[in-house]
Amino acid sequence: MDEGGSGSCGVPLQHTMLQKRLQEHAQAKLLLCGAKHYRLEKIVGKGSYGIVYEAYDNFHERKVAIKHLCPDVFREPLLALRVLREISILAHFRQHPNIMGLVDVLRTPSPPPGRGPCD
C-alpha cells in the first residue's frame, strides 16, 4: 500500500509512518543520554513545547509519560522559564495521588536548528 493509503482504523498511513519515525528518533535520543530503561510505546500528544509519549519504565516496572521538549523552547527565555516552573511544580507534588509526579529529567543531545522533533 502506498504512503497515501489508510493504515489500521482508517488513520492515514502517512500519518502513522510519521509517528513511527518520531518515536524511533526519540527512542534513539533516550539511548544516547543513557536512559536505556525507558521503552516508548506511542505518541499521546504533540504541542508547541514538544511531544508526549506513553512509555514503560523497565527498571521500576511501570507506565510513565515522557515529554520530549523542542530545543527551541530553551532558546526563548520566557518559554524556558515556563518549562522550569512546570518541572518544579511537578517535583513539589511528587507524592500527590492525583498528579503524575516527576520521575526523571534527561538531557539529550540537541539537533541542529530545523532538525528537531517539533519541526
N, C-alpha and C. Protein backbone atom coordinates (compact mmCIF):
# COMPACT_ATOMS: atom_id res chain seq x y z
N MET A 1 0.84 -1.17 0.00
CA MET A 1 0.00 0.00 0.00
C MET A 1 0.89 1.24 0.00
N ASP A 2 0.55 2.28 -0.75
CA ASP A 2 1.37 3.48 -0.82
C ASP A 2 1.19 4.33 0.43
N GLU A 3 2.06 5.36 0.56
CA GLU A 3 2.02 6.20 1.76
C GLU A 3 0.74 7.01 1.88
N GLY A 4 0.02 7.18 0.79
CA GLY A 4 -1.21 7.95 0.86
C GLY A 4 -2.41 7.12 1.26
N GLY A 5 -2.27 5.79 1.38
CA GLY A 5 -3.37 4.90 1.73
C GLY A 5 -3.71 5.00 3.20
N SER A 6 -4.60 4.10 3.63
CA SER A 6 -5.01 4.10 5.04
C SER A 6 -4.38 2.94 5.77
N GLY A 7 -4.00 3.18 7.01
CA GLY A 7 -3.49 2.14 7.88
C GLY A 7 -4.62 1.58 8.71
N SER A 8 -4.30 1.05 9.87
CA SER A 8 -5.31 0.48 10.74
C SER A 8 -6.25 1.57 11.25
N CYS A 9 -7.50 1.23 11.45
CA CYS A 9 -8.52 2.13 11.99
C CYS A 9 -8.76 3.36 11.12
N GLY A 10 -8.42 3.30 9.85
CA GLY A 10 -8.67 4.41 8.95
C GLY A 10 -7.71 5.58 9.11
N VAL A 11 -6.66 5.44 9.93
CA VAL A 11 -5.68 6.50 10.10
C VAL A 11 -4.82 6.54 8.85
N PRO A 12 -4.62 7.71 8.24
CA PRO A 12 -3.78 7.78 7.05
C PRO A 12 -2.41 7.16 7.30
N LEU A 13 -1.96 6.33 6.38
CA LEU A 13 -0.69 5.62 6.53
C LEU A 13 0.47 6.60 6.66
N GLN A 14 0.42 7.71 5.94
CA GLN A 14 1.48 8.70 6.02
C GLN A 14 1.61 9.22 7.45
N HIS A 15 0.50 9.48 8.11
CA HIS A 15 0.49 9.96 9.50
C HIS A 15 1.08 8.90 10.42
N THR A 16 0.70 7.65 10.24
CA THR A 16 1.21 6.55 11.06
C THR A 16 2.72 6.40 10.88
N MET A 17 3.18 6.51 9.66
CA MET A 17 4.62 6.37 9.40
C MET A 17 5.40 7.52 10.02
N LEU A 18 4.85 8.74 9.99
CA LEU A 18 5.50 9.88 10.61
C LEU A 18 5.60 9.68 12.12
N GLN A 19 4.52 9.20 12.74
CA GLN A 19 4.55 8.94 14.18
C GLN A 19 5.61 7.89 14.51
N LYS A 20 5.72 6.87 13.68
CA LYS A 20 6.72 5.82 13.92
C LYS A 20 8.13 6.40 13.83
N ARG A 21 8.38 7.26 12.84
CA ARG A 21 9.70 7.88 12.71
C ARG A 21 10.01 8.78 13.90
N LEU A 22 9.02 9.55 14.36
CA LEU A 22 9.23 10.39 15.53
C LEU A 22 9.56 9.55 16.76
N GLN A 23 8.85 8.44 16.92
CA GLN A 23 9.07 7.55 18.05
C GLN A 23 10.46 6.93 17.99
N GLU A 24 10.88 6.49 16.81
CA GLU A 24 12.21 5.90 16.67
C GLU A 24 13.29 6.93 16.97
N HIS A 25 13.08 8.16 16.50
CA HIS A 25 14.04 9.24 16.75
C HIS A 25 14.16 9.51 18.25
N ALA A 26 13.03 9.59 18.93
CA ALA A 26 13.05 9.85 20.38
C ALA A 26 13.67 8.69 21.14
N GLN A 27 13.39 7.45 20.73
CA GLN A 27 13.98 6.28 21.40
C GLN A 27 15.50 6.30 21.26
N ALA A 28 15.98 6.67 20.08
CA ALA A 28 17.43 6.77 19.86
C ALA A 28 18.04 7.84 20.76
N LYS A 29 17.35 8.97 20.93
CA LYS A 29 17.87 10.03 21.80
C LYS A 29 17.89 9.57 23.26
N LEU A 30 16.89 8.79 23.67
CA LEU A 30 16.90 8.26 25.04
C LEU A 30 18.12 7.38 25.26
N LEU A 31 18.45 6.56 24.28
CA LEU A 31 19.61 5.69 24.40
C LEU A 31 20.90 6.51 24.48
N LEU A 32 20.97 7.59 23.70
CA LEU A 32 22.16 8.44 23.70
C LEU A 32 22.39 9.09 25.05
N CYS A 33 21.34 9.42 25.78
CA CYS A 33 21.53 10.08 27.07
C CYS A 33 21.56 9.07 28.22
N GLY A 34 21.62 7.78 27.91
CA GLY A 34 21.78 6.76 28.94
C GLY A 34 20.50 6.26 29.58
N ALA A 35 19.36 6.59 29.02
CA ALA A 35 18.07 6.17 29.59
C ALA A 35 17.58 4.90 28.89
N LYS A 36 18.34 3.84 29.03
CA LYS A 36 18.02 2.59 28.33
C LYS A 36 16.82 1.86 28.93
N HIS A 37 16.43 2.22 30.15
CA HIS A 37 15.35 1.50 30.81
C HIS A 37 13.95 2.00 30.42
N TYR A 38 13.86 3.05 29.59
CA TYR A 38 12.56 3.51 29.11
C TYR A 38 12.30 2.97 27.70
N ARG A 39 11.10 2.46 27.50
CA ARG A 39 10.70 1.97 26.18
C ARG A 39 9.48 2.75 25.73
N LEU A 40 9.60 3.50 24.64
CA LEU A 40 8.49 4.29 24.15
C LEU A 40 7.44 3.38 23.55
N GLU A 41 6.18 3.63 23.87
CA GLU A 41 5.07 2.83 23.37
C GLU A 41 4.34 3.53 22.22
N LYS A 42 3.92 4.79 22.48
CA LYS A 42 3.18 5.51 21.44
C LYS A 42 3.16 7.00 21.77
N ILE A 43 2.87 7.80 20.75
CA ILE A 43 2.70 9.23 20.93
C ILE A 43 1.29 9.47 21.47
N VAL A 44 1.19 10.24 22.55
CA VAL A 44 -0.13 10.56 23.10
C VAL A 44 -0.50 12.02 22.92
N GLY A 45 0.47 12.85 22.53
CA GLY A 45 0.16 14.25 22.30
C GLY A 45 1.33 14.99 21.70
N LYS A 46 1.02 16.06 20.97
CA LYS A 46 2.05 16.90 20.37
C LYS A 46 1.57 18.33 20.44
N GLY A 47 2.44 19.21 20.91
CA GLY A 47 2.07 20.61 21.02
C GLY A 47 3.24 21.50 20.70
N SER A 48 3.11 22.77 21.03
CA SER A 48 4.16 23.73 20.68
C SER A 48 5.43 23.53 21.51
N TYR A 49 5.33 22.89 22.67
CA TYR A 49 6.51 22.65 23.50
C TYR A 49 7.22 21.35 23.17
N GLY A 50 6.52 20.39 22.58
CA GLY A 50 7.15 19.11 22.30
C GLY A 50 6.15 18.00 22.09
N ILE A 51 6.62 16.77 22.28
CA ILE A 51 5.83 15.57 22.05
C ILE A 51 5.78 14.77 23.35
N VAL A 52 4.61 14.26 23.69
CA VAL A 52 4.45 13.43 24.88
C VAL A 52 4.24 11.99 24.44
N TYR A 53 5.01 11.09 25.02
CA TYR A 53 4.94 9.67 24.71
C TYR A 53 4.45 8.89 25.91
N GLU A 54 3.68 7.84 25.64
CA GLU A 54 3.43 6.84 26.67
C GLU A 54 4.62 5.90 26.59
N ALA A 55 5.18 5.58 27.74
CA ALA A 55 6.38 4.74 27.77
C ALA A 55 6.29 3.77 28.92
N TYR A 56 7.23 2.84 28.93
CA TYR A 56 7.30 1.86 30.03
C TYR A 56 8.69 1.95 30.64
N ASP A 57 8.74 2.05 31.96
CA ASP A 57 9.98 2.08 32.72
C ASP A 57 10.30 0.65 33.13
N ASN A 58 11.23 0.02 32.44
CA ASN A 58 11.58 -1.38 32.72
C ASN A 58 12.22 -1.55 34.10
N PHE A 59 12.90 -0.52 34.59
CA PHE A 59 13.57 -0.61 35.88
C PHE A 59 12.56 -0.65 37.03
N HIS A 60 11.57 0.24 36.99
CA HIS A 60 10.56 0.31 38.05
C HIS A 60 9.28 -0.45 37.71
N GLU A 61 9.24 -1.03 36.51
CA GLU A 61 8.10 -1.82 36.04
C GLU A 61 6.78 -1.06 36.17
N ARG A 62 6.72 0.08 35.45
CA ARG A 62 5.51 0.90 35.47
C ARG A 62 5.42 1.75 34.21
N LYS A 63 4.18 2.17 33.92
CA LYS A 63 3.96 3.10 32.80
C LYS A 63 4.36 4.49 33.23
N VAL A 64 4.93 5.24 32.30
CA VAL A 64 5.30 6.63 32.54
C VAL A 64 4.95 7.44 31.30
N ALA A 65 4.97 8.74 31.45
CA ALA A 65 4.85 9.65 30.31
C ALA A 65 6.20 10.35 30.15
N ILE A 66 6.63 10.48 28.92
CA ILE A 66 7.88 11.18 28.63
C ILE A 66 7.55 12.37 27.74
N LYS A 67 7.93 13.55 28.21
CA LYS A 67 7.74 14.75 27.41
C LYS A 67 9.07 15.10 26.78
N HIS A 68 9.13 15.02 25.46
CA HIS A 68 10.33 15.33 24.70
C HIS A 68 10.18 16.77 24.21
N LEU A 69 10.93 17.68 24.83
CA LEU A 69 10.78 19.10 24.54
C LEU A 69 11.52 19.50 23.27
N CYS A 70 10.94 20.46 22.57
CA CYS A 70 11.58 21.04 21.39
C CYS A 70 12.79 21.85 21.85
N PRO A 71 13.91 21.76 21.13
CA PRO A 71 15.08 22.55 21.51
C PRO A 71 14.80 24.05 21.50
N ASP A 72 13.90 24.51 20.64
CA ASP A 72 13.59 25.94 20.55
C ASP A 72 13.01 26.49 21.84
N VAL A 73 12.41 25.63 22.66
CA VAL A 73 11.83 26.08 23.93
C VAL A 73 12.91 26.75 24.79
N PHE A 74 14.13 26.24 24.75
CA PHE A 74 15.19 26.76 25.60
C PHE A 74 15.95 27.92 24.95
N ARG A 75 15.59 28.27 23.74
CA ARG A 75 16.18 29.45 23.09
C ARG A 75 15.39 30.72 23.43
N GLU A 76 14.18 30.55 23.91
CA GLU A 76 13.32 31.67 24.31
C GLU A 76 13.26 31.72 25.84
N PRO A 77 13.79 32.76 26.46
CA PRO A 77 13.82 32.81 27.93
C PRO A 77 12.47 32.62 28.60
N LEU A 78 11.41 33.22 28.07
CA LEU A 78 10.09 33.09 28.70
C LEU A 78 9.59 31.64 28.65
N LEU A 79 9.78 30.98 27.50
CA LEU A 79 9.36 29.58 27.39
C LEU A 79 10.19 28.68 28.30
N ALA A 80 11.48 28.95 28.38
CA ALA A 80 12.36 28.16 29.26
C ALA A 80 11.92 28.30 30.71
N LEU A 81 11.56 29.51 31.12
CA LEU A 81 11.08 29.72 32.50
C LEU A 81 9.79 28.95 32.76
N ARG A 82 8.88 28.90 31.78
CA ARG A 82 7.64 28.15 31.94
C ARG A 82 7.92 26.67 32.12
N VAL A 83 8.85 26.14 31.34
CA VAL A 83 9.19 24.72 31.46
C VAL A 83 9.81 24.45 32.83
N LEU A 84 10.72 25.30 33.26
CA LEU A 84 11.34 25.12 34.57
C LEU A 84 10.31 25.22 35.69
N ARG A 85 9.33 26.09 35.54
CA ARG A 85 8.25 26.21 36.53
C ARG A 85 7.44 24.91 36.57
N GLU A 86 7.12 24.38 35.40
CA GLU A 86 6.37 23.11 35.35
C GLU A 86 7.15 21.99 36.04
N ILE A 87 8.45 21.93 35.80
CA ILE A 87 9.30 20.90 36.43
C ILE A 87 9.29 21.06 37.94
N SER A 88 9.42 22.28 38.43
CA SER A 88 9.46 22.47 39.88
C SER A 88 8.11 22.17 40.53
N ILE A 89 7.01 22.49 39.83
CA ILE A 89 5.68 22.17 40.36
C ILE A 89 5.49 20.65 40.42
N LEU A 90 5.87 19.96 39.36
CA LEU A 90 5.74 18.50 39.36
C LEU A 90 6.60 17.86 40.45
N ALA A 91 7.80 18.39 40.64
CA ALA A 91 8.67 17.86 41.70
C ALA A 91 8.06 18.11 43.08
N HIS A 92 7.44 19.26 43.26
CA HIS A 92 6.84 19.60 44.56
C HIS A 92 5.66 18.67 44.89
N PHE A 93 4.86 18.33 43.89
CA PHE A 93 3.68 17.49 44.11
C PHE A 93 3.95 16.01 43.81
N ARG A 94 5.17 15.59 43.96
CA ARG A 94 5.58 14.22 43.62
C ARG A 94 4.71 13.14 44.28
N GLN A 95 4.29 13.37 45.50
CA GLN A 95 3.53 12.36 46.24
C GLN A 95 2.01 12.55 46.17
N HIS A 96 1.54 13.53 45.42
CA HIS A 96 0.10 13.79 45.34
C HIS A 96 -0.58 12.67 44.55
N PRO A 97 -1.70 12.11 45.05
CA PRO A 97 -2.33 10.97 44.39
C PRO A 97 -3.00 11.30 43.05
N ASN A 98 -3.29 12.57 42.78
CA ASN A 98 -3.99 12.93 41.55
C ASN A 98 -3.12 13.64 40.52
N ILE A 99 -1.84 13.73 40.79
CA ILE A 99 -0.92 14.40 39.87
C ILE A 99 0.22 13.44 39.54
N MET A 100 0.49 13.29 38.24
CA MET A 100 1.60 12.44 37.83
C MET A 100 2.89 13.12 38.28
N GLY A 101 3.66 12.44 39.07
CA GLY A 101 4.87 13.02 39.62
C GLY A 101 6.03 13.01 38.64
N LEU A 102 7.00 13.83 38.92
CA LEU A 102 8.22 13.89 38.12
C LEU A 102 9.15 12.77 38.57
N VAL A 103 9.57 11.95 37.64
CA VAL A 103 10.45 10.83 37.96
C VAL A 103 11.89 11.15 37.61
N ASP A 104 12.10 11.81 36.49
CA ASP A 104 13.45 11.99 35.98
C ASP A 104 13.48 13.18 35.04
N VAL A 105 14.63 13.81 34.92
CA VAL A 105 14.87 14.84 33.92
C VAL A 105 16.10 14.39 33.15
N LEU A 106 15.95 14.26 31.84
CA LEU A 106 17.04 13.78 31.00
C LEU A 106 17.44 14.87 30.02
N ARG A 107 18.70 14.93 29.72
CA ARG A 107 19.19 15.89 28.72
C ARG A 107 19.72 15.08 27.55
N THR A 108 19.12 15.33 26.39
CA THR A 108 19.57 14.63 25.18
C THR A 108 20.37 15.58 24.31
N PRO A 109 21.18 15.03 23.41
CA PRO A 109 21.92 15.91 22.50
C PRO A 109 20.96 16.75 21.67
N SER A 110 21.29 18.01 21.47
CA SER A 110 20.44 18.90 20.69
C SER A 110 20.72 18.74 19.21
N PRO A 111 19.64 18.65 18.41
CA PRO A 111 19.84 18.58 16.96
C PRO A 111 20.13 19.98 16.41
N PRO A 112 20.68 20.06 15.19
CA PRO A 112 20.86 21.37 14.58
C PRO A 112 19.50 22.03 14.36
N PRO A 113 19.44 23.36 14.29
CA PRO A 113 18.15 24.03 14.05
C PRO A 113 17.45 23.48 12.80
N GLY A 114 16.15 23.29 12.94
CA GLY A 114 15.36 22.77 11.81
C GLY A 114 15.37 21.27 11.68
N ARG A 115 16.00 20.55 12.62
CA ARG A 115 16.09 19.10 12.53
C ARG A 115 15.53 18.39 13.75
N GLY A 116 14.81 19.10 14.60
CA GLY A 116 14.29 18.52 15.83
C GLY A 116 12.94 17.85 15.63
N PRO A 117 12.38 17.24 16.68
CA PRO A 117 11.12 16.51 16.57
C PRO A 117 9.93 17.42 16.36
N CYS A 118 10.08 18.71 16.60
CA CYS A 118 8.95 19.64 16.52
C CYS A 118 8.94 20.43 15.23
N ASP A 119 9.90 20.20 14.35
CA ASP A 119 9.97 20.95 13.09
C ASP A 119 9.07 20.35 12.04
